[in-house]
N, C-alpha and C. Protein backbone atom coordinates (compact mmCIF):
# COMPACT_ATOMS: atom_id res chain seq x y z
N MET A 1 -18.34 -7.13 10.28
CA MET A 1 -16.85 -7.22 9.96
C MET A 1 -16.70 -8.67 10.10
N PRO A 2 -17.92 -9.51 10.24
CA PRO A 2 -17.69 -11.00 10.50
C PRO A 2 -18.32 -11.17 8.95
N LYS A 3 -18.85 -10.69 7.74
CA LYS A 3 -19.20 -10.62 6.58
C LYS A 3 -17.97 -10.76 5.82
N ALA A 4 -17.47 -9.46 6.03
CA ALA A 4 -15.89 -9.23 5.66
C ALA A 4 -15.05 -10.11 5.90
N LEU A 5 -14.77 -10.62 6.76
CA LEU A 5 -13.89 -11.50 7.11
C LEU A 5 -14.74 -12.69 6.64
N CYS A 6 -15.35 -13.23 6.18
CA CYS A 6 -15.98 -14.57 5.40
C CYS A 6 -15.23 -14.26 4.34
N LEU A 7 -15.76 -12.96 3.40
CA LEU A 7 -15.64 -12.93 2.29
C LEU A 7 -14.08 -13.02 1.81
N THR A 8 -13.34 -12.26 2.75
CA THR A 8 -11.32 -12.29 3.29
C THR A 8 -11.27 -13.85 2.89
N GLY A 9 -11.66 -14.67 3.44
CA GLY A 9 -11.56 -15.96 3.38
C GLY A 9 -11.49 -16.71 2.12
N MET A 10 -12.74 -16.30 1.39
CA MET A 10 -13.41 -16.90 0.48
C MET A 10 -12.30 -16.59 -1.17
N VAL A 11 -11.98 -15.09 -0.94
CA VAL A 11 -11.00 -14.42 -1.67
C VAL A 11 -9.58 -15.33 -1.66
N ILE A 12 -8.86 -15.61 -0.87
CA ILE A 12 -7.93 -16.25 -0.28
C ILE A 12 -8.02 -17.78 -0.47
N ALA A 13 -8.65 -18.56 -0.42
CA ALA A 13 -9.30 -19.49 -0.64
C ALA A 13 -9.34 -19.40 -3.10
N ILE A 14 -9.73 -18.81 -3.05
CA ILE A 14 -9.48 -19.04 -4.66
C ILE A 14 -8.19 -18.50 -5.30
N VAL A 15 -7.65 -17.01 -4.45
CA VAL A 15 -6.36 -17.46 -4.86
C VAL A 15 -5.29 -18.53 -4.59
N VAL A 16 -5.41 -18.79 -3.46
CA VAL A 16 -4.20 -20.22 -3.43
C VAL A 16 -4.85 -20.92 -3.97
N ALA A 17 -5.98 -21.74 -4.23
CA ALA A 17 -6.78 -22.93 -5.13
C ALA A 17 -6.21 -22.79 -7.08
N LEU A 18 -6.21 -21.27 -7.19
CA LEU A 18 -5.81 -20.95 -8.57
C LEU A 18 -4.17 -20.92 -8.80
N LEU A 19 -3.75 -20.61 -7.67
CA LEU A 19 -1.98 -21.19 -7.79
C LEU A 19 -1.31 -22.36 -8.04
N PHE A 20 -1.74 -22.56 -6.93
CA PHE A 20 -1.92 -24.29 -7.12
C PHE A 20 -2.41 -25.46 -7.69
N LEU A 21 -3.53 -24.92 -8.42
CA LEU A 21 -3.76 -25.50 -10.12
C LEU A 21 -2.92 -25.28 -11.06
N LEU A 22 -2.63 -23.77 -11.63
CA LEU A 22 -1.76 -23.20 -12.43
C LEU A 22 -0.46 -23.79 -12.13
N ASP A 23 0.21 -24.25 -11.10
CA ASP A 23 1.29 -24.77 -10.83
C ASP A 23 1.18 -26.47 -10.61
N LEU A 24 -0.30 -27.21 -10.96
CA LEU A 24 -0.15 -28.40 -10.79
C LEU A 24 -0.30 -28.55 -12.65
N ILE A 25 -1.27 -27.93 -13.31
CA ILE A 25 -1.20 -27.71 -14.87
C ILE A 25 -0.16 -27.77 -15.99
N ILE A 26 0.57 -26.40 -15.36
CA ILE A 26 1.47 -25.70 -16.62
C ILE A 26 2.16 -25.51 -15.70
N LYS A 27 2.57 -25.89 -14.77
CA LYS A 27 4.16 -25.59 -14.39
C LYS A 27 4.75 -24.11 -13.91
N ILE A 28 3.52 -23.29 -13.77
CA ILE A 28 3.90 -21.38 -13.07
C ILE A 28 3.16 -21.91 -11.95
N PRO A 29 3.23 -21.47 -11.10
CA PRO A 29 5.03 -20.45 -10.93
C PRO A 29 6.33 -21.21 -10.25
N PHE A 30 5.79 -22.66 -9.73
CA PHE A 30 6.49 -23.34 -9.16
C PHE A 30 6.94 -24.11 -10.10
N GLN A 31 7.09 -24.72 -10.65
CA GLN A 31 7.64 -25.42 -12.07
C GLN A 31 7.24 -26.91 -11.44
N ARG A 32 6.49 -26.74 -10.80
CA ARG A 32 5.71 -28.68 -9.90
C ARG A 32 6.83 -29.36 -9.27
N ALA A 33 7.43 -28.02 -7.98
CA ALA A 33 8.28 -28.96 -7.31
C ALA A 33 7.87 -30.14 -6.74
N ASN A 34 6.28 -30.16 -6.19
CA ASN A 34 5.97 -31.31 -5.10
C ASN A 34 4.70 -31.38 -5.80
N VAL A 35 3.98 -32.75 -6.79
CA VAL A 35 2.76 -32.93 -6.65
C VAL A 35 1.92 -32.59 -5.66
N LEU A 36 2.37 -33.71 -4.09
CA LEU A 36 1.71 -33.70 -3.49
C LEU A 36 1.43 -32.37 -2.68
N MET A 37 2.14 -31.51 -2.68
CA MET A 37 2.55 -30.26 -2.03
C MET A 37 1.11 -29.81 -2.79
N ASP A 38 0.84 -29.48 -4.15
CA ASP A 38 -0.41 -28.70 -5.04
C ASP A 38 -1.10 -29.47 -4.98
N VAL A 39 -1.49 -30.67 -4.63
CA VAL A 39 -2.97 -31.30 -4.70
C VAL A 39 -3.32 -31.00 -3.01
N VAL A 40 -2.88 -31.05 -1.87
CA VAL A 40 -2.90 -30.89 -0.46
C VAL A 40 -3.13 -29.53 -0.48
N PHE A 41 -2.05 -28.06 -0.99
CA PHE A 41 -2.73 -27.08 -0.97
C PHE A 41 -4.40 -26.61 -1.58
N VAL A 42 -4.67 -27.63 -2.73
CA VAL A 42 -5.93 -27.41 -3.35
C VAL A 42 -6.92 -27.81 -2.20
N LEU A 43 -6.43 -28.74 -2.10
CA LEU A 43 -7.70 -29.58 -1.17
C LEU A 43 -7.74 -28.76 0.29
N CYS A 44 -6.80 -27.67 0.52
CA CYS A 44 -6.97 -26.89 1.80
C CYS A 44 -8.19 -25.97 1.23
N ALA A 45 -7.33 -25.30 0.44
CA ALA A 45 -8.19 -24.34 -0.34
C ALA A 45 -9.76 -24.21 -0.59
N ALA A 46 -9.94 -25.53 -1.23
CA ALA A 46 -11.65 -26.17 -1.62
C ALA A 46 -11.84 -25.53 -0.03
N THR A 47 -11.53 -26.37 0.78
CA THR A 47 -12.01 -26.56 2.30
C THR A 47 -12.07 -25.15 3.39
N LEU A 48 -11.39 -24.09 3.16
CA LEU A 48 -11.54 -22.90 3.28
C LEU A 48 -12.59 -22.51 2.34
N GLY A 49 -12.36 -22.78 1.35
CA GLY A 49 -14.13 -21.92 0.35
C GLY A 49 -14.89 -22.46 1.17
N PHE A 50 -15.48 -23.54 1.45
CA PHE A 50 -16.48 -24.36 2.05
C PHE A 50 -16.98 -23.62 3.16
N ILE A 51 -15.84 -23.57 4.26
CA ILE A 51 -15.91 -23.07 5.45
C ILE A 51 -16.56 -21.44 5.36
N SER A 52 -15.98 -20.82 4.47
CA SER A 52 -15.91 -19.52 4.17
C SER A 52 -17.51 -19.11 3.62
N TRP A 53 -17.64 -20.33 2.79
CA TRP A 53 -19.22 -20.19 1.94
C TRP A 53 -20.08 -20.16 3.30
N THR A 54 -19.66 -21.38 4.08
CA THR A 54 -21.16 -22.18 5.15
C THR A 54 -21.03 -21.15 6.21
N THR A 55 -20.12 -20.32 7.06
CA THR A 55 -20.61 -19.10 7.24
C THR A 55 -20.63 -18.11 7.00
N PHE A 56 -20.44 -17.49 6.01
CA PHE A 56 -21.03 -16.22 4.81
C PHE A 56 -22.98 -16.34 5.37
N ARG A 57 -23.56 -17.85 4.96
CA ARG A 57 -24.78 -18.01 4.17
C ARG A 57 -25.43 -17.87 5.80
N GLU A 58 -24.58 -18.13 6.67
CA GLU A 58 -25.19 -18.04 8.62
C GLU A 58 -25.51 -17.00 8.68
N GLN A 59 -24.61 -15.79 8.50
CA GLN A 59 -24.77 -14.76 8.85
C GLN A 59 -25.92 -13.97 8.51
N ASP A 60 -26.57 -12.82 9.44
CA ASP A 60 -27.65 -12.34 9.08
C ASP A 60 -27.49 -11.04 8.65
């Protein structure tokens, strides 16, 4: 079960990062409402992905 949660965290991180990177680059889906929000969400998604990846690697 912990491996499934780590994989879920990685998938969520990828989806959030793609969503806000697309908004930052081509103004879809939020019409670039706030650039700072886009950057912060991308950083948070990268952090979640990193934490999920390192935890996944520690599982036996």
